Protein backbone atom coordinates (compact mmCIF):
# COMPACT_ATOMS: atom_id res chain seq x y z
CA MET A 1 -0.05 -0.02 0.05
CA ARG A 2 2.75 2.36 0.88
CA LEU A 3 4.59 1.68 -2.33
CA LEU A 4 1.35 2.29 -4.36
CA HIS A 5 1.14 5.72 -2.43
CA LEU A 6 4.62 6.60 -3.22
CA SER A 7 4.33 5.54 -6.86
CA PHE A 8 1.20 7.84 -7.19
CA LEU A 9 3.19 10.76 -5.70
CA VAL A 10 6.08 10.16 -8.08
CA PHE A 11 3.47 10.06 -10.97
CA LEU A 12 1.72 13.19 -9.82
CA PHE A 13 4.96 15.17 -9.52
CA GLY A 14 6.29 13.94 -12.65
CA ALA A 15 3.08 14.94 -14.56
CA MET A 16 3.20 18.37 -12.93
CA ALA A 17 6.77 18.96 -14.01
CA VAL A 18 6.12 17.74 -17.61
CA SER A 19 2.97 19.90 -17.98
CA GLY A 20 4.70 22.94 -16.49
CA GLN A 21 7.46 22.59 -19.16
CA ASP A 22 5.12 23.32 -21.89
CA THR A 23 3.98 26.86 -21.06
CA LYS A 24 6.11 28.44 -18.40
CA PRO A 25 9.53 28.61 -19.97
CA ASP A 26 7.90 30.20 -23.12
CA GLU A 27 6.24 32.84 -20.94
CA PHE A 28 9.41 33.45 -18.99
CA ALA A 29 11.50 33.64 -22.16
CA GLN A 30 9.00 36.12 -23.65
CA PHE A 31 9.10 38.21 -20.58
CA ASN A 32 12.83 38.24 -20.39
CA GLN A 33 12.96 39.26 -24.13
CA VAL A 34 10.64 42.14 -23.25
CA LYS A 35 12.80 43.11 -20.22
CA ASP A 36 15.86 43.18 -22.37
CA ALA A 37 14.23 45.31 -25.09
CA VAL A 38 13.16 47.73 -22.45
CA ARG A 39 16.68 47.89 -20.96
CA ARG A 40 18.15 48.42 -24.31
CA MET A 41 15.55 50.97 -25.51
CA VAL A 42 15.34 53.13 -22.27
CA LEU A 43 18.51 52.66 -20.43
CA GLU A 44 21.06 52.03 -23.28
CA LYS A 45 19.09 54.31 -25.79
CA THR A 46 19.56 51.74 -28.52
CA ASP A 47 16.75 50.76 -30.74
CA THR A 48 16.59 47.74 -33.14
CA GLY A 49 13.82 46.59 -35.37
CA TRP A 50 13.86 43.26 -33.23
CA ASP A 51 13.26 45.32 -29.99
CA GLU A 52 10.44 47.24 -31.67
CA LYS A 53 8.81 44.11 -32.82
CA ILE A 54 9.06 42.51 -29.26
CA VAL A 55 7.63 45.77 -27.71
CA ASP A 56 4.78 46.05 -30.40
CA ARG A 57 3.58 42.46 -29.62
CA SER A 58 3.65 42.85 -25.71
CA GLY A 59 1.32 45.63 -24.74
CA ASP A 60 0.66 45.84 -21.06
CA LEU A 61 3.60 43.44 -20.38
CA VAL A 62 5.97 46.22 -21.33
CA ALA A 63 4.99 48.31 -18.14
CA LEU A 64 5.66 45.29 -16.01
CA ALA A 65 9.06 45.01 -17.67
CA ILE A 66 9.68 48.60 -17.00
CA VAL A 67 9.00 48.21 -13.45
CA LYS A 68 11.07 45.08 -13.08
CA THR A 69 14.03 46.35 -15.08
CA MET A 70 14.37 49.84 -13.71
CA PRO A 71 15.16 50.94 -10.21
CA GLU A 72 12.53 53.28 -8.62
CA SER A 73 15.23 56.13 -8.52
CA GLN A 74 15.68 55.90 -12.29
CA LEU A 75 11.96 55.81 -13.30
CA SER A 76 11.23 59.54 -12.93
CA SER A 77 14.64 60.79 -14.26
CA PRO A 78 13.85 63.23 -17.12
CA THR A 79 16.15 61.30 -19.51
CA ASN A 80 14.63 57.85 -18.81
CA LEU A 81 11.10 59.26 -18.56
CA THR A 82 11.28 60.32 -22.23
CA GLY A 83 12.28 56.74 -23.16
CA ILE A 84 9.67 55.13 -20.96
CA LEU A 85 6.96 57.14 -22.59
CA ALA A 86 8.11 56.29 -25.99
CA VAL A 87 8.31 52.62 -25.19
CA LEU A 88 4.85 52.63 -23.85
CA HIS A 89 3.55 54.61 -26.80
CA GLU A 90 5.26 51.96 -28.98
CA ALA A 91 3.63 49.04 -26.89
CA PHE A 92 0.15 50.41 -27.59
CA GLY A 93 0.69 51.65 -31.07
CA CYS A 94 -1.22 48.78 -32.71
CA SER A 95 -2.53 46.84 -29.82
CA SER A 96 -5.72 45.60 -31.54
CA ARG A 97 -3.61 43.83 -34.23
CA CYS A 98 -0.11 43.38 -32.84
CA VAL A 99 -0.44 42.30 -29.10
CA GLU A 100 -0.61 38.54 -28.99
CA SER A 101 -2.25 38.10 -25.57
CA PRO A 102 -5.69 39.57 -25.20
CA SER A 103 -5.08 40.43 -21.57
CA ASN A 104 -2.12 42.54 -22.56
CA ARG A 105 -4.30 44.66 -24.71
CA GLN A 106 -5.82 46.33 -21.73
CA PRO A 107 -3.39 48.84 -19.90
CA SER A 108 -3.93 48.06 -16.38
CA VAL A 109 -0.39 47.93 -15.20
CA THR A 110 0.54 50.70 -17.69
CA LEU A 111 -1.97 53.07 -16.21
CA LEU A 112 -0.74 52.40 -12.73
CA LEU A 113 2.84 53.14 -13.92
CA LEU A 114 1.84 56.24 -15.72
CA GLU A 115 -0.04 57.68 -12.71
CA HIS A 116 2.99 56.77 -10.52
CA LEU A 117 5.22 58.59 -13.04
CA ARG A 118 2.88 61.61 -13.13
CA ASN A 119 2.95 61.86 -9.32
CA HIS A 120 6.70 61.86 -9.08
CA ALA A 121 7.53 63.72 -12.34
CA GLN A 122 8.63 67.39 -12.70
CA ALA A 123 5.87 69.76 -13.68
CA THR A 124 7.37 70.19 -17.14
CA SER A 125 7.00 66.40 -17.84
CA GLN A 126 3.40 66.02 -16.62
CA SER A 127 1.83 67.11 -19.88
CA GLU A 128 3.67 64.49 -21.87
CA ILE A 129 2.68 61.87 -19.39
CA ASP A 130 -0.95 62.98 -19.76
CA LYS A 131 -0.73 62.77 -23.55
CA THR A 132 0.54 59.14 -23.17
CA ILE A 133 -2.19 58.33 -20.82
CA ASP A 134 -4.77 59.69 -23.29
CA PHE A 135 -3.17 57.78 -26.13
CA VAL A 136 -3.05 54.52 -24.22
CA VAL A 137 -6.62 54.81 -23.11
CA GLN A 138 -7.82 55.64 -26.62
CA GLN A 139 -5.99 52.57 -28.04
CA ALA A 140 -7.54 50.39 -25.36
CA ARG A 141 -11.07 51.46 -26.27
CA SER A 142 -10.43 50.77 -29.88
CA VAL A 143 -9.67 47.20 -28.91
CA GLU A 144 -12.98 46.58 -27.06
């Protein structure tokens, strides 16, 4: 009886490991690609066609990558803020056609990030943040 119970546990954990291998590595790999693209585009100020494609297809995932990639102290720096807004604009430029995951077509994390940036940005940058908020909201409405 004990051997049967142990065999069942081994089978159960083996099945969980095999099923987890189908989806999670791809999702992690995709997120790592988005983080790398954000790092290059915002922090290193380099821009490749490949990075643009990754960002175009990621939507709201880009905001999460920004938060995970950049330290809080660098988020509201004027130089980085310009890059962040450009990347978010790119991420929602064709969200209805380009963004692969339907859940990433809605800007839930993006709007939180933009509000955070607006609250911590200099007064001169707030109008650009407002324009980006308006753009992202407009693009999200076109998806619905």
